[in-house]
Every structure is written in C-alpha cells, then in structure tokens.
C-alpha cells in the first residue's frame, strides 16, 4: 500500500487534468480504466438515490460490486462522498 500512497501524493500535487489523465492511461490497461470508470459511475448513481438493481441493469455490473460501493458511501467521512462533492463543485465552478 505504500506505493499507492506515493502515487496519491504525486497526483495530489498535479494541477493539470491532462497530465493526470495521460499518467493514468499509461499506468492502467483499457480494461482497468473501464472498471474504474464503471465504479465511479455507480457511486455517483448511488449518491443520486438510484436503486442498486437499476444501476446493475444500466451499467452491467454485479450487485456485489454495487453493494460494496453503497457500503463505502455510507461510511462516516466517506472518501467516495468527498470526491463526489469535489467533482460537483468543480463542475459548478466551470459553468
């Protein structure tokens, strides 16, 4: 996990989205990018109150993955919720 902390620290210092995107594309396979993107989308849908079944149908994900995302969202000081709020704020400010 130390290396993950190292990567997170480096990403936290980068202000250019393009650099981060290029880095992630270099680091991850297309399947891994797709998997991460699906998980991010499922968390955003859960946060909007969409049912797990509807998310499963829409994204083609197992209920097990969706349940895990739901559990993470319900945690006190959820990092998922925090990231959703950051992204929502960023979208709002870019209008």
Protein backbone atom coordinates (compact mmCIF):
# COMPACT_ATOMS: atom_id res chain seq x y z
CA UNK A 1 0.00 0.00 0.00
CA UNK A 2 2.98 2.31 0.45
CA UNK A 3 3.30 2.70 -3.32
CA UNK A 4 -0.37 3.62 -3.61
CA UNK A 5 0.22 6.36 -1.04
CA UNK A 6 3.20 7.54 -3.09
CA UNK A 7 1.08 7.72 -6.27
CA UNK A 8 -1.74 9.51 -4.44
CA UNK A 9 0.74 12.05 -3.06
CA UNK A 10 2.17 12.73 -6.50
CA UNK A 11 -1.30 13.11 -8.05
CA UNK A 12 -2.33 15.50 -5.28
CA UNK A 13 0.44 17.85 -6.39
CA UNK A 14 -0.56 17.92 -10.06
CA UNK A 15 -2.99 20.64 -11.08
CA UNK A 16 -3.20 19.72 -14.77
CA UNK A 17 -6.02 17.24 -15.52
CA UNK A 18 -4.42 16.29 -18.84
CA UNK A 19 -1.20 15.17 -17.13
CA UNK A 20 -3.17 13.05 -14.65
CA UNK A 21 -5.29 11.55 -17.42
CA UNK A 22 -2.22 10.73 -19.52
CA UNK A 23 -0.50 9.22 -16.47
CA UNK A 24 -3.50 7.00 -15.70
CA UNK A 25 -3.77 5.91 -19.35
CA UNK A 26 -0.08 4.98 -19.25
CA UNK A 27 -0.37 3.15 -15.94
CA UNK A 28 -3.63 1.27 -16.47
CA UNK A 29 -4.91 -1.08 -19.17
CA UNK A 30 -8.07 -0.23 -21.10
CA UNK A 31 -9.95 -2.82 -19.03
CA UNK A 32 -8.73 -1.28 -15.78
CA UNK A 33 -9.75 2.19 -16.96
CA UNK A 34 -13.17 0.84 -17.90
CA UNK A 35 -13.51 -0.86 -14.50
CA UNK A 36 -12.56 2.27 -12.56
CA UNK A 37 -14.89 4.38 -14.72
CA UNK A 38 -17.80 1.99 -14.08
CA UNK A 39 -17.19 2.05 -10.34
CA UNK A 40 -17.05 5.85 -10.33
CA UNK A 41 -20.32 5.99 -12.30
CA UNK A 42 -22.05 3.52 -9.97
CA UNK A 43 -21.06 5.56 -6.90
CA UNK A 44 -22.41 8.74 -8.48
CA UNK A 45 -25.70 6.98 -9.31
CA UNK A 46 -25.97 5.55 -5.79
CA UNK A 47 -25.39 9.02 -4.42
CA UNK A 48 -28.33 10.25 -6.54
CA UNK A 49 -30.55 7.61 -4.94
CA UNK A 50 -30.81 5.27 -7.94
CA UNK A 51 -31.62 1.71 -6.90
CA UNK A 52 -28.94 -0.96 -7.00
CA UNK A 53 -30.99 -3.06 -9.41
CA UNK A 54 -31.38 -0.18 -11.87
CA UNK A 55 -27.65 0.54 -11.66
CA UNK A 56 -26.88 -3.13 -12.27
CA UNK A 57 -29.09 -3.13 -15.37
CA UNK A 58 -27.77 0.19 -16.68
CA UNK A 59 -24.07 -0.49 -16.17
CA UNK A 60 -24.00 -4.28 -16.42
CA UNK A 61 -22.36 -4.58 -13.01
CA UNK A 62 -22.88 -7.25 -10.37
CA UNK A 63 -24.94 -6.40 -7.31
CA UNK A 64 -21.89 -7.37 -5.25
CA UNK A 65 -19.82 -4.51 -6.72
CA UNK A 66 -22.70 -2.11 -6.28
CA UNK A 67 -23.26 -3.18 -2.67
CA UNK A 68 -19.59 -2.55 -1.95
CA UNK A 69 -19.90 0.96 -3.38
CA UNK A 70 -23.02 1.54 -1.32
CA UNK A 71 -21.23 0.45 1.86
CA UNK A 72 -18.34 2.78 1.11
CA UNK A 73 -20.71 5.71 0.53
CA UNK A 74 -22.41 5.11 3.89
CA UNK A 75 -19.14 5.20 5.84
CA UNK A 76 -18.53 8.15 8.10
CA UNK A 77 -16.16 10.52 6.28
CA UNK A 78 -16.64 8.55 3.05
CA UNK A 79 -13.88 9.27 0.55
CA UNK A 80 -16.36 8.45 -2.24
CA UNK A 81 -18.78 11.10 -1.00
CA UNK A 82 -15.92 13.58 -0.59
CA UNK A 83 -14.74 13.00 -4.17
CA UNK A 84 -18.31 13.34 -5.50
CA UNK A 85 -18.61 16.67 -3.72
CA UNK A 86 -15.28 17.86 -5.12
CA UNK A 87 -16.31 16.89 -8.65
CA UNK A 88 -19.73 18.54 -8.28
CA UNK A 89 -18.06 21.73 -7.04
CA UNK A 90 -15.59 21.66 -9.94
CA UNK A 91 -18.42 21.27 -12.48
CA UNK A 92 -20.35 24.10 -10.86
CA UNK A 93 -17.32 26.42 -10.94
CA UNK A 94 -16.59 25.61 -14.60
CA UNK A 95 -20.00 26.75 -15.82
